[in-house]
């Protein structure tokens, strides 16, 4: 597999990812947006420890970039329905496994919403 880039907004931080060496932080699914962000020092709130049970790791994916993520299952869709500011491009960072270039935005209201 080829390397790809993930850009995290609003900071505009871009990280290069080699899928052969997915970070293994133990936060979210291996290769998920949360896993990669945490391995690169980018904070995405996640009160449930990356289990997809709380919605605090909600991010918004730029347009067609949703095609470069794993499919969204019914449980994730149900959780997204409960988060404020959800859009058709919303995903949970802990469950969205990256397959190519992606730009995501961590919503302003979500940053530092939860303190562990």
PDB file of N, CA and C in Angstrom:
ATOM      1  N   UNK A   1       0.840  -1.180   0.000  1.00  0.00           N
ATOM      2  CA  UNK A   1       0.000   0.000   0.000  1.00  0.00           C
ATOM      3  C   UNK A   1       0.886   1.245   0.000  1.00  0.00           C
ATOM      4  N   UNK A   2       0.382   2.288  -0.614  1.00  0.00           N
ATOM      5  CA  UNK A   2       1.146   3.522  -0.675  1.00  0.00           C
ATOM      6  C   UNK A   2       0.854   4.391   0.537  1.00  0.00           C
ATOM      7  N   UNK A   3       1.777   5.296   0.811  1.00  0.00           N
ATOM      8  CA  UNK A   3       1.602   6.242   1.915  1.00  0.00           C
ATOM      9  C   UNK A   3       0.542   7.262   1.535  1.00  0.00           C
ATOM     10  N   UNK A   4      -0.071   7.858   2.538  1.00  0.00           N
ATOM     11  CA  UNK A   4      -1.067   8.899   2.304  1.00  0.00           C
ATOM     12  C   UNK A   4      -0.969   9.949   3.394  1.00  0.00           C
ATOM     13  N   UNK A   5      -1.675  11.054   3.186  1.00  0.00           N
ATOM     14  CA  UNK A   5      -1.637  12.178   4.114  1.00  0.00           C
ATOM     15  C   UNK A   5      -2.993  12.399   4.765  1.00  0.00           C
ATOM     16  N   UNK A   6      -2.940  12.779   6.031  1.00  0.00           N
ATOM     17  CA  UNK A   6      -4.145  13.186   6.755  1.00  0.00           C
ATOM     18  C   UNK A   6      -3.892  14.597   7.270  1.00  0.00           C
ATOM     19  N   UNK A   7      -4.819  15.495   6.962  1.00  0.00           N
ATOM     20  CA  UNK A   7      -4.735  16.867   7.459  1.00  0.00           C
ATOM     21  C   UNK A   7      -5.809  17.051   8.515  1.00  0.00           C
ATOM     22  N   UNK A   8      -5.384  17.541   9.677  1.00  0.00           N
ATOM     23  CA  UNK A   8      -6.287  17.781  10.802  1.00  0.00           C
ATOM     24  C   UNK A   8      -6.487  19.285  10.943  1.00  0.00           C
ATOM     25  N   UNK A   9      -7.715  19.731  10.757  1.00  0.00           N
ATOM     26  CA  UNK A   9      -8.064  21.144  10.936  1.00  0.00           C
ATOM     27  C   UNK A   9      -8.761  21.328  12.270  1.00  0.00           C
ATOM     28  N   UNK A  10      -8.707  22.459  12.891  1.00  0.00           N
ATOM     29  CA  UNK A  10      -8.361  23.756  12.328  1.00  0.00           C
ATOM     30  C   UNK A  10      -6.868  24.089  12.348  1.00  0.00           C
ATOM     31  N   UNK A  11      -6.010  23.221  12.883  1.00  0.00           N
ATOM     32  CA  UNK A  11      -4.591  23.561  12.966  1.00  0.00           C
ATOM     33  C   UNK A  11      -3.881  23.443  11.629  1.00  0.00           C
ATOM     34  N   UNK A  12      -4.438  22.669  10.693  1.00  0.00           N
ATOM     35  CA  UNK A  12      -3.791  22.471   9.407  1.00  0.00           C
ATOM     36  C   UNK A  12      -2.606  21.523   9.474  1.00  0.00           C
ATOM     37  N   UNK A  13      -2.522  20.752  10.543  1.00  0.00           N
ATOM     38  CA  UNK A  13      -1.432  19.797  10.714  1.00  0.00           C
ATOM     39  C   UNK A  13      -1.634  18.609   9.787  1.00  0.00           C
ATOM     40  N   UNK A  14      -0.614  18.321   8.966  1.00  0.00           N
ATOM     41  CA  UNK A  14      -0.674  17.183   8.055  1.00  0.00           C
ATOM     42  C   UNK A  14       0.356  16.148   8.486  1.00  0.00           C
ATOM     43  N   UNK A  15      -0.087  14.899   8.556  1.00  0.00           N
ATOM     44  CA  UNK A  15       0.821  13.801   8.880  1.00  0.00           C
ATOM     45  C   UNK A  15       0.820  12.809   7.729  1.00  0.00           C
ATOM     46  N   UNK A  16       1.993  12.256   7.460  1.00  0.00           N
ATOM     47  CA  UNK A  16       2.110  11.214   6.449  1.00  0.00           C
ATOM     48  C   UNK A  16       1.998   9.863   7.139  1.00  0.00           C
ATOM     49  N   UNK A  17       1.206   8.989   6.559  1.00  0.00           N
ATOM     50  CA  UNK A  17       0.942   7.687   7.159  1.00  0.00           C
ATOM     51  C   UNK A  17       1.397   6.587   6.209  1.00  0.00           C
ATOM     52  N   UNK A  18       2.133   5.637   6.757  1.00  0.00           N
ATOM     53  CA  UNK A  18       2.503   4.439   6.016  1.00  0.00           C
ATOM     54  C   UNK A  18       1.648   3.303   6.562  1.00  0.00           C
ATOM     55  N   UNK A  19       0.677   2.821   5.775  1.00  0.00           N
ATOM     56  CA  UNK A  19      -0.229   1.791   6.279  1.00  0.00           C
ATOM     57  C   UNK A  19       0.471   0.517   6.731  1.00  0.00           C
ATOM     58  N   UNK A  20       1.686   0.295   6.280  1.00  0.00           N
ATOM     59  CA  UNK A  20       2.422  -0.891   6.721  1.00  0.00           C
ATOM     60  C   UNK A  20       2.861  -0.757   8.177  1.00  0.00           C
ATOM     61  N   UNK A  21       2.841   0.449   8.692  1.00  0.00           N
ATOM     62  CA  UNK A  21       3.270   0.713  10.069  1.00  0.00           C
ATOM     63  C   UNK A  21       2.213   1.497  10.838  1.00  0.00           C
ATOM     64  N   UNK A  22       0.970   1.031  10.789  1.00  0.00           N
ATOM     65  CA  UNK A  22      -0.080   1.752  11.501  1.00  0.00           C
ATOM     66  C   UNK A  22       0.335   1.988  12.945  1.00  0.00           C
ATOM     67  N   UNK A  23       0.082   3.167  13.473  1.00  0.00           N
ATOM     68  CA  UNK A  23       0.313   3.384  14.914  1.00  0.00           C
ATOM     69  C   UNK A  23      -0.571   2.439  15.712  1.00  0.00           C
ATOM     70  N   UNK A  24      -0.087   2.031  16.830  1.00  0.00           N
ATOM     71  CA  UNK A  24      -0.844   1.142  17.706  1.00  0.00           C
ATOM     72  C   UNK A  24      -0.921   1.776  19.087  1.00  0.00           C
ATOM     73  N   UNK A  25      -1.718   2.805  19.224  1.00  0.00           N
ATOM     74  CA  UNK A  25      -1.817   3.520  20.499  1.00  0.00           C
ATOM     75  C   UNK A  25      -2.800   2.873  21.458  1.00  0.00           C
ATOM     76  N   UNK A  26      -3.639   1.992  20.947  1.00  0.00           N
ATOM     77  CA  UNK A  26      -4.671   1.404  21.794  1.00  0.00           C
ATOM     78  C   UNK A  26      -5.901   2.285  21.911  1.00  0.00           C
ATOM     79  N   UNK A  27      -5.923   3.373  21.156  1.00  0.00           N
ATOM     80  CA  UNK A  27      -7.065   4.290  21.159  1.00  0.00           C
ATOM     81  C   UNK A  27      -7.790   4.165  19.827  1.00  0.00           C
ATOM     82  N   UNK A  28      -8.956   3.569  19.831  1.00  0.00           N
ATOM     83  CA  UNK A  28      -9.708   3.360  18.604  1.00  0.00           C
ATOM     84  C   UNK A  28      -9.175   2.167  17.838  1.00  0.00           C
ATOM     85  N   UNK A  29      -9.786   1.901  16.698  1.00  0.00           N
ATOM     86  CA  UNK A  29      -9.341   0.801  15.855  1.00  0.00           C
ATOM     87  C   UNK A  29      -7.946   1.110  15.310  1.00  0.00           C
ATOM     88  N   UNK A  30      -7.096   0.102  15.147  1.00  0.00           N
ATOM     89  CA  UNK A  30      -5.784   0.353  14.533  1.00  0.00           C
ATOM     90  C   UNK A  30      -5.953   0.975  13.146  1.00  0.00           C
ATOM     91  N   UNK A  31      -5.242   2.052  12.897  1.00  0.00           N
ATOM     92  CA  UNK A  31      -5.339   2.735  11.612  1.00  0.00           C
ATOM     93  C   UNK A  31      -6.490   3.708  11.524  1.00  0.00           C
ATOM     94  N   UNK A  32      -7.211   3.905  12.635  1.00  0.00           N
ATOM     95  CA  UNK A  32      -8.318   4.866  12.638  1.00  0.00           C
ATOM     96  C   UNK A  32      -7.773   6.289  12.738  1.00  0.00           C
ATOM     97  N   UNK A  33      -8.629   7.248  12.444  1.00  0.00           N
ATOM     98  CA  UNK A  33      -8.232   8.651  12.585  1.00  0.00           C
ATOM     99  C   UNK A  33      -7.741   8.942  13.992  1.00  0.00           C
ATOM    100  N   UNK A  34      -8.407   8.394  14.993  1.00  0.00           N
ATOM    101  CA  UNK A  34      -8.003   8.621  16.380  1.00  0.00           C
ATOM    102  C   UNK A  34      -6.651   7.987  16.661  1.00  0.00           C
ATOM    103  N   UNK A  35      -6.450   6.777  16.232  1.00  0.00           N
ATOM    104  CA  UNK A  35      -5.190   6.063  16.439  1.00  0.00           C
ATOM    105  C   UNK A  35      -4.025   6.857  15.834  1.00  0.00           C
ATOM    106  N   UNK A  36      -4.193   7.314  14.609  1.00  0.00           N
ATOM    107  CA  UNK A  36      -3.148   8.064  13.914  1.00  0.00           C
ATOM    108  C   UNK A  36      -2.934   9.425  14.562  1.00  0.00           C
ATOM    109  N   UNK A  37      -4.028  10.106  14.916  1.00  0.00           N
ATOM    110  CA  UNK A  37      -3.897  11.418  15.562  1.00  0.00           C
ATOM    111  C   UNK A  37      -3.130  11.305  16.872  1.00  0.00           C
ATOM    112  N   UNK A  38      -3.522  10.378  17.725  1.00  0.00           N
ATOM    113  CA  UNK A  38      -2.865  10.217  19.025  1.00  0.00           C
ATOM    114  C   UNK A  38      -1.383   9.870  18.863  1.00  0.00           C
ATOM    115  N   UNK A  39      -1.051   9.039  17.888  1.00  0.00           N
ATOM    116  CA  UNK A  39       0.343   8.652  17.659  1.00  0.00           C
ATOM    117  C   UNK A  39       1.185   9.826  17.172  1.00  0.00           C
ATOM    118  N   UNK A  40       0.522  10.876  16.668  1.00  0.00           N
ATOM    119  CA  UNK A  40       1.232  12.037  16.144  1.00  0.00           C
ATOM    120  C   UNK A  40       1.027  13.291  16.993  1.00  0.00           C
ATOM    121  N   UNK A  41       0.566  13.116  18.221  1.00  0.00           N
ATOM    122  CA  UNK A  41       0.436  14.235  19.146  1.00  0.00           C
ATOM    123  C   UNK A  41      -0.709  15.189  18.861  1.00  0.00           C
ATOM    124  N   UNK A  42      -1.709  14.720  18.123  1.00  0.00           N
ATOM    125  CA  UNK A  42      -2.884  15.546  17.821  1.00  0.00           C
ATOM    126  C   UNK A  42      -4.012  15.076  18.722  1.00  0.00           C
ATOM    127  N   UNK A  43      -4.531  15.997  19.520  1.00  0.00           N
ATOM    128  CA  UNK A  43      -5.545  15.639  20.503  1.00  0.00           C
ATOM    129  C   UNK A  43      -6.943  15.668  19.909  1.00  0.00           C
ATOM    130  N   UNK A  44      -7.602  14.530  19.936  1.00  0.00           N
ATOM    131  CA  UNK A  44      -9.030  14.438  19.623  1.00  0.00           C
ATOM    132  C   UNK A  44      -9.690  13.884  20.872  1.00  0.00           C
ATOM    133  N   UNK A  45     -10.591  14.656  21.493  1.00  0.00           N
ATOM    134  CA  UNK A  45     -11.257  14.168  22.702  1.00  0.00           C
ATOM    135  C   UNK A  45     -11.908  12.810  22.456  1.00  0.00           C
ATOM    136  N   UNK A  46     -11.842  11.947  23.472  1.00  0.00           N
ATOM    137  CA  UNK A  46     -12.457  10.613  23.351  1.00  0.00           C
ATOM    138  C   UNK A  46     -12.690  10.049  24.752  1.00  0.00           C
ATOM    139  N   UNK A  47     -13.812  10.410  25.320  1.00  0.00           N
ATOM    140  CA  UNK A  47     -14.124  10.064  26.706  1.00  0.00           C
ATOM    141  C   UNK A  47     -14.254   8.561  26.952  1.00  0.00           C
ATOM    142  N   UNK A  48     -14.650   7.798  25.948  1.00  0.00           N
ATOM    143  CA  UNK A  48     -14.870   6.361  26.157  1.00  0.00           C
ATOM    144  C   UNK A  48     -13.634   5.525  25.866  1.00  0.00           C
ATOM    145  N   UNK A  49     -12.513   6.171  25.601  1.00  0.00           N
ATOM    146  CA  UNK A  49     -11.290   5.422  25.334  1.00  0.00           C
ATOM    147  C   UNK A  49     -11.214   4.868  23.923  1.00  0.00           C
ATOM    148  N   UNK A  50     -11.984   5.423  23.015  1.00  0.00           N
ATOM    149  CA  UNK A  50     -11.925   4.982  21.627  1.00  0.00           C
ATOM    150  C   UNK A  50     -12.762   3.770  21.313  1.00  0.00           C
ATOM    151  N   UNK A  51     -13.833   3.570  22.071  1.00  0.00           N
ATOM    152  CA  UNK A  51     -14.695   2.396  21.874  1.00  0.00           C
ATOM    153  C   UNK A  51     -15.938   2.676  21.035  1.00  0.00           C
ATOM    154  N   UNK A  52     -16.130   3.921  20.592  1.00  0.00           N
ATOM    155  CA  UNK A  52     -17.301   4.260  19.784  1.00  0.00           C
ATOM    156  C   UNK A  52     -18.582   4.368  20.581  1.00  0.00           C
ATOM    157  N   UNK A  53     -18.455   4.608  21.887  1.00  0.00           N
ATOM    158  CA  UNK A  53     -19.634   4.602  22.756  1.00  0.00           C
ATOM    159  C   UNK A  53     -20.063   5.982  23.257  1.00  0.00           C
ATOM    160  N   UNK A  54     -19.348   7.054  22.863  1.00  0.00           N
ATOM    161  CA  UNK A  54     -19.697   8.346  23.466  1.00  0.00           C
ATOM    162  C   UNK A  54     -19.893   9.479  22.459  1.00  0.00           C
ATOM    163  N   UNK A  55     -19.266   9.428  21.315  1.00  0.00           N
ATOM    164  CA  UNK A  55     -19.416  10.475  20.303  1.00  0.00           C
ATOM    165  C   UNK A  55     -18.504  11.671  20.484  1.00  0.00           C
ATOM    166  N   UNK A  56     -17.669  11.687  21.521  1.00  0.00           N
ATOM    167  CA  UNK A  56     -16.822  12.860  21.750  1.00  0.00           C
ATOM    168  C   UNK A  56     -15.692  12.983  20.729  1.00  0.00           C
ATOM    169  N   UNK A  57     -15.399  11.950  19.976  1.00  0.00           N
ATOM    170  CA  UNK A  57     -14.344  12.018  18.960  1.00  0.00           C
ATOM    171  C   UNK A  57     -14.911  12.368  17.584  1.00  0.00           C
ATOM    172  N   UNK A  58     -16.093  12.956  17.579  1.00  0.00           N
ATOM    173  CA  UNK A  58     -16.749  13.363  16.336  1.00  0.00           C
ATOM    174  C   UNK A  58     -15.858  14.305  15.538  1.00  0.00           C
ATOM    175  N   UNK A  59     -15.681  13.995  14.253  1.00  0.00           N
ATOM    176  CA  UNK A  59     -14.967  14.864  13.324  1.00  0.00           C
ATOM    177  C   UNK A  59     -15.803  14.995  12.056  1.00  0.00           C
ATOM    178  N   UNK A  60     -15.486  16.023  11.267  1.00  0.00           N
ATOM    179  CA  UNK A  60     -16.172  16.225   9.995  1.00  0.00           C
ATOM    180  C   UNK A  60     -15.151  16.023   8.881  1.00  0.00           C
ATOM    181  N   UNK A  61     -15.474  15.144   7.964  1.00  0.00           N
ATOM    182  CA  UNK A  61     -14.565  14.770   6.876  1.00  0.00           C
ATOM    183  C   UNK A  61     -14.878  15.629   5.662  1.00  0.00           C
ATOM    184  N   UNK A  62     -13.819  16.110   5.003  1.00  0.00           N
ATOM    185  CA  UNK A  62     -13.998  16.952   3.820  1.00  0.00           C
ATOM    186  C   UNK A  62     -14.566  16.148   2.664  1.00  0.00           C
ATOM    187  N   UNK A  63     -15.680  16.607   2.121  1.00  0.00           N
ATOM    188  CA  UNK A  63     -16.325  16.105   0.914  1.00  0.00           C
ATOM    189  C   UNK A  63     -16.051  14.684   0.498  1.00  0.00           C
ATOM    190  N   UNK A  64     -15.410  14.532  -0.665  1.00  0.00           N
ATOM    191  CA  UNK A  64     -15.174  13.216  -1.259  1.00  0.00           C
ATOM    192  C   UNK A  64     -14.181  12.378  -0.470  1.00  0.00           C
ATOM    193  N   UNK A  65     -13.495  12.968   0.508  1.00  0.00           N
ATOM    194  CA  UNK A  65     -12.536  12.208   1.314  1.00  0.00           C
ATOM    195  C   UNK A  65     -13.206  11.083   2.093  1.00  0.00           C
ATOM    196  N   UNK A  66     -14.519  11.133   2.242  1.00  0.00           N
ATOM    197  CA  UNK A  66     -15.218  10.053   2.943  1.00  0.00           C
ATOM    198  C   UNK A  66     -14.996   8.717   2.246  1.00  0.00           C
ATOM    199  N   UNK A  67     -14.684   8.757   0.944  1.00  0.00           N
ATOM    200  CA  UNK A  67     -14.412   7.523   0.190  1.00  0.00           C
ATOM    201  C   UNK A  67     -13.094   6.876   0.612  1.00  0.00           C
ATOM    202  N   UNK A  68     -12.245   7.628   1.314  1.00  0.00           N
ATOM    203  CA  UNK A  68     -10.952   7.112   1.754  1.00  0.00           C
ATOM    204  C   UNK A  68     -10.987   6.621   3.194  1.00  0.00           C
ATOM    205  N   UNK A  69     -12.183   6.366   3.699  1.00  0.00           N
ATOM    206  CA  UNK A  69     -12.368   5.832   5.045  1.00  0.00           C
ATOM    207  C   UNK A  69     -13.169   4.535   4.977  1.00  0.00           C
ATOM    208  N   UNK A  70     -13.057   3.748   6.032  1.00  0.00           N
ATOM    209  CA  UNK A  70     -13.869   2.540   6.124  1.00  0.00           C
ATOM    210  C   UNK A  70     -15.347   2.912   6.110  1.00  0.00           C
ATOM    211  N   UNK A  71     -16.177   1.948   5.790  1.00  0.00           N
ATOM    212  CA  UNK A  71     -17.623   2.165   5.782  1.00  0.00           C
ATOM    213  C   UNK A  71     -18.131   2.483   7.187  1.00  0.00           C
ATOM    214  N   UNK A  72     -19.130   3.306   7.262  1.00  0.00           N
ATOM    215  CA  UNK A  72     -19.770   3.664   8.526  1.00  0.00           C
ATOM    216  C   UNK A  72     -20.871   2.632   8.805  1.00  0.00           C
ATOM    217  N   UNK A  73     -20.816   1.950   9.960  1.00  0.00           N
ATOM    218  CA  UNK A  73     -21.837   0.950  10.253  1.00  0.00           C
ATOM    219  C   UNK A  73     -23.010   1.576  11.011  1.00  0.00           C
ATOM    220  N   UNK A  74     -24.049   0.797  11.244  1.00  0.00           N
ATOM    221  CA  UNK A  74     -25.271   1.306  11.879  1.00  0.00           C
ATOM    222  C   UNK A  74     -25.025   1.835  13.287  1.00  0.00           C
ATOM    223  N   UNK A  75     -24.163   1.171  14.061  1.00  0.00           N
ATOM    224  CA  UNK A  75     -23.876   1.641  15.422  1.00  0.00           C
ATOM    225  C   UNK A  75     -23.212   3.013  15.400  1.00  0.00           C
ATOM    226  N   UNK A  76     -22.280   3.213  14.470  1.00  0.00           N
ATOM    227  CA  UNK A  76     -21.627   4.522  14.365  1.00  0.00           C
ATOM    228  C   UNK A  76     -22.633   5.583  13.926  1.00  0.00           C
ATOM    229  N   UNK A  77     -23.468   5.241  12.963  1.00  0.00           N
ATOM    230  CA  UNK A  77     -24.481   6.201  12.507  1.00  0.00           C
ATOM    231  C   UNK A  77     -25.430   6.592  13.638  1.00  0.00           C
ATOM    232  N   UNK A  78     -25.816   5.624  14.464  1.00  0.00           N
ATOM    233  CA  UNK A  78     -26.689   5.910  15.605  1.00  0.00           C
ATOM    234  C   UNK A  78     -26.021   6.872  16.577  1.00  0.00           C
ATOM    235  N   UNK A  79     -24.732   6.683  16.831  1.00  0.00           N
ATOM    236  CA  UNK A  79     -24.010   7.567  17.742  1.00  0.00           C
ATOM    237  C   UNK A  79     -23.863   8.956  17.135  1.00  0.00           C
ATOM    238  N   UNK A  80     -23.560   9.026  15.845  1.00  0.00           N
ATOM    239  CA  UNK A  80     -23.415  10.327  15.177  1.00  0.00           C
ATOM    240  C   UNK A  80     -24.716  11.107  15.236  1.00  0.00           C
ATOM    241  N   UNK A  81     -25.844  10.425  15.129  1.00  0.00           N
ATOM    242  CA  UNK A  81     -27.153  11.092  15.223  1.00  0.00           C
ATOM    243  C   UNK A  81     -27.330  11.823  16.547  1.00  0.00           C
ATOM    244  N   UNK A  82     -26.576  11.433  17.566  1.00  0.00           N
ATOM    245  CA  UNK A  82     -26.734  12.020  18.899  1.00  0.00           C
ATOM    246  C   UNK A  82     -25.765  13.175  19.188  1.00  0.00           C
ATOM    247  N   UNK A  83     -24.771  13.388  18.319  1.00  0.00           N
ATOM    248  CA  UNK A  83     -23.787  14.433  18.602  1.00  0.00           C
ATOM    249  C   UNK A  83     -24.247  15.771  18.042  1.00  0.00           C
ATOM    250  N   UNK A  84     -23.963  16.857  18.763  1.00  0.00           N
ATOM    251  CA  UNK A  84     -24.328  18.178  18.241  1.00  0.00           C
ATOM    252  C   UNK A  84     -23.498  18.519  17.006  1.00  0.00           C
ATOM    253  N   UNK A  85     -24.111  19.175  16.052  1.00  0.00           N
ATOM    254  CA  UNK A  85     -23.397  19.629  14.870  1.00  0.00           C
ATOM    255  C   UNK A  85     -23.087  18.555  13.852  1.00  0.00           C
ATOM    256  N   UNK A  86     -23.754  17.423  13.939  1.00  0.00           N
ATOM    257  CA  UNK A  86     -23.492  16.328  12.991  1.00  0.00           C
ATOM    258  C   UNK A  86     -23.880  16.749  11.578  1.00  0.00           C
ATOM    259  N   UNK A  87     -23.084  16.287  10.608  1.00  0.00           N
ATOM    260  CA  UNK A  87     -23.346  16.552   9.196  1.00  0.00           C
ATOM    261  C   UNK A  87     -23.345  15.221   8.453  1.00  0.00           C
ATOM    262  N   UNK A  88     -23.623  15.261   7.164  1.00  0.00           N
ATOM    263  CA  UNK A  88     -23.569  14.050   6.352  1.00  0.00           C
ATOM    264  C   UNK A  88     -22.147  13.516   6.224  1.00  0.00           C
ATOM    265  N   UNK A  89     -21.148  14.364   6.540  1.00  0.00           N
ATOM    266  CA  UNK A  89     -19.740  13.964   6.471  1.00  0.00           C
ATOM    267  C   UNK A  89     -19.145  13.692   7.843  1.00  0.00           C
ATOM    268  N   UNK A  90     -19.987  13.564   8.857  1.00  0.00           N
ATOM    269  CA  UNK A  90     -19.499  13.311  10.212  1.00  0.00           C
ATOM    270  C   UNK A  90     -19.083  11.854  10.373  1.00  0.00           C
ATOM    271  N   UNK A  91     -18.015  11.652  11.155  1.00  0.00           N
ATOM    272  CA  UNK A  91     -17.554  10.318  11.506  1.00  0.00           C
ATOM    273  C   UNK A  91     -17.053  10.340  12.939  1.00  0.00           C
ATOM    274  N   UNK A  92     -16.952   9.165  13.538  1.00  0.00           N
ATOM    275  CA  UNK A  92     -16.285   9.029  14.824  1.00  0.00           C
ATOM    276  C   UNK A  92     -14.841   8.661  14.519  1.00  0.00           C
ATOM    277  N   UNK A  93     -13.922   9.468  15.014  1.00  0.00           N
ATOM    278  CA  UNK A  93     -12.502   9.272  14.703  1.00  0.00           C
ATOM    279  C   UNK A  93     -11.999   7.910  15.162  1.00  0.00           C
ATOM    280  N   UNK A  94     -12.594   7.353  16.211  1.00  0.00           N
ATOM    281  CA  UNK A  94     -12.131   6.065  16.736  1.00  0.00           C
ATOM    282  C   UNK A  94     -12.516   4.886  15.857  1.00  0.00           C
ATOM    283  N   UNK A  95     -13.522   5.051  15.005  1.00  0.00           N
ATOM    284  CA  UNK A  95     -14.011   3.944  14.186  1.00  0.00           C
ATOM    285  C   UNK A  95     -13.679   4.089  12.707  1.00  0.00           C
ATOM    286  N   UNK A  96     -13.325   5.299  12.267  1.00  0.00           N
ATOM    287  CA  UNK A  96     -13.063   5.563  10.850  1.00  0.00           C
ATOM    288  C   UNK A  96     -11.625   5.190  10.503  1.00  0.00           C
ATOM    289  N   UNK A  97     -11.450   4.030   9.889  1.00  0.00           N
ATOM    290  CA  UNK A  97     -10.121   3.552   9.485  1.00  0.00           C
ATOM    291  C   UNK A  97      -9.773   4.191   8.142  1.00  0.00           C
ATOM    292  N   UNK A  98      -8.571   4.748   8.070  1.00  0.00           N
ATOM    293  CA  UNK A  98      -8.136   5.524   6.915  1.00  0.00           C
ATOM    294  C   UNK A  98      -7.556   4.611   5.833  1.00  0.00           C
ATOM    295  N   UNK A  99      -7.941   4.906   4.560  1.00  0.00           N
ATOM    296  CA  UNK A  99      -7.460   4.125   3.417  1.00  0.00           C
ATOM    297  C   UNK A  99      -6.778   4.994   2.362  1.00  0.00           C
ATOM    298  N   UNK A 100      -6.732   6.326   2.571  1.00  0.00           N
ATOM    299  CA  UNK A 100      -6.142   7.242   1.595  1.00  0.00           C
ATOM    300  C   UNK A 100      -6.134   8.654   2.144  1.00  0.00           C
ATOM    301  N   UNK A 101      -5.774   9.621   1.317  1.00  0.00           N
ATOM    302  CA  UNK A 101      -5.700  11.025   1.745  1.00  0.00           C
ATOM    303  C   UNK A 101      -7.035  11.502   2.307  1.00  0.00           C
ATOM    304  N   UNK A 102      -6.968  12.168   3.455  1.00  0.00           N
ATOM    305  CA  UNK A 102      -8.171  12.645   4.130  1.00  0.00           C
ATOM    306  C   UNK A 102      -7.877  13.979   4.807  1.00  0.00           C
ATOM    307  N   UNK A 103      -8.868  14.868   4.763  1.00  0.00           N
ATOM    308  CA  UNK A 103      -8.833  16.102   5.551  1.00  0.00           C
ATOM    309  C   UNK A 103     -10.018  16.070   6.488  1.00  0.00           C
ATOM    310  N   UNK A 104      -9.762  16.259   7.787  1.00  0.00           N
ATOM    311  CA  UNK A 104     -10.827  16.247   8.780  1.00  0.00           C
ATOM    312  C   UNK A 104     -10.765  17.515   9.609  1.00  0.00           C
ATOM    313  N   UNK A 105     -11.910  17.909  10.109  1.00  0.00           N
ATOM    314  CA  UNK A 105     -12.000  19.055  11.011  1.00  0.00           C
ATOM    315  C   UNK A 105     -12.527  18.581  12.351  1.00  0.00           C
ATOM    316  N   UNK A 106     -11.810  18.962  13.401  1.00  0.00           N
ATOM    317  CA  UNK A 106     -12.285  18.723  14.765  1.00  0.00           C
ATOM    318  C   UNK A 106     -13.130  19.947  15.110  1.00  0.00           C
ATOM    319  N   UNK A 107     -14.440  19.783  15.269  1.00  0.00           N
ATOM    320  CA  UNK A 107     -15.302  20.944  15.516  1.00  0.00           C
ATOM    321  C   UNK A 107     -14.873  21.735  16.751  1.00  0.00           C
ATOM    322  N   UNK A 108     -14.983  23.061  16.679  1.00  0.00           N
ATOM    323  CA  UNK A 108     -14.595  23.934  17.797  1.00  0.00           C
ATOM    324  C   UNK A 108     -15.286  23.544  19.088  1.00  0.00           C
ATOM    325  N   UNK A 109     -16.584  23.258  19.021  1.00  0.00           N
ATOM    326  CA  UNK A 109     -17.342  22.928  20.230  1.00  0.00           C
ATOM    327  C   UNK A 109     -16.863  21.622  20.861  1.00  0.00           C
ATOM    328  N   UNK A 110     -16.213  20.756  20.053  1.00  0.00           N
ATOM    329  CA  UNK A 110     -15.810  19.449  20.522  1.00  0.00           C
ATOM    330  C   UNK A 110     -14.456  19.475  21.238  1.00  0.00           C
ATOM    331  N   UNK A 111     -13.586  20.396  20.829  1.00  0.00           N
ATOM    332  CA  UNK A 111     -12.268  20.453  21.448  1.00  0.00           C
ATOM    333  C   UNK A 111     -12.393  20.817  22.915  1.00  0.00           C
ATOM    334  N   UNK A 112     -11.770  20.011  23.749  1.00  0.00           N
ATOM    335  CA  UNK A 112     -11.759  20.211  25.199  1.00  0.00           C
ATOM    336  C   UNK A 112     -13.143  20.147  25.831  1.00  0.00           C
ATOM    337  N   UNK A 113     -14.101  19.531  25.168  1.00  0.00           N
ATOM    338  CA  UNK A 113     -15.445  19.370  25.725  1.00  0.00           C
ATOM    339  C   UNK A 113     -15.434  18.455  26.925  1.00  0.00           C
ATOM    340  N   UNK A 114     -14.569  17.468  26.871  1.00  0.00           N
ATOM    341  CA  UNK A 114     -14.524  16.469  27.942  1.00  0.00           C
ATOM    342  C   UNK A 114     -13.155  16.506  28.600  1.00  0.00           C
ATOM    343  N   UNK A 115     -13.135  16.525  29.893  1.00  0.00           N
ATOM    344  CA  UNK A 115     -11.858  16.387  30.592  1.00  0.00           C
ATOM    345  C   UNK A 115     -11.908  15.075  31.335  1.00  0.00           C
ATOM    346  N   UNK A 116     -10.858  14.301  31.167  1.00  0.00           N
ATOM    347  CA  UNK A 116     -10.847  12.965  31.753  1.00  0.00           C
ATOM    348  C   UNK A 116     -10.265  12.993  33.141  1.00  0.00           C
TER     349      UNK A 116
END
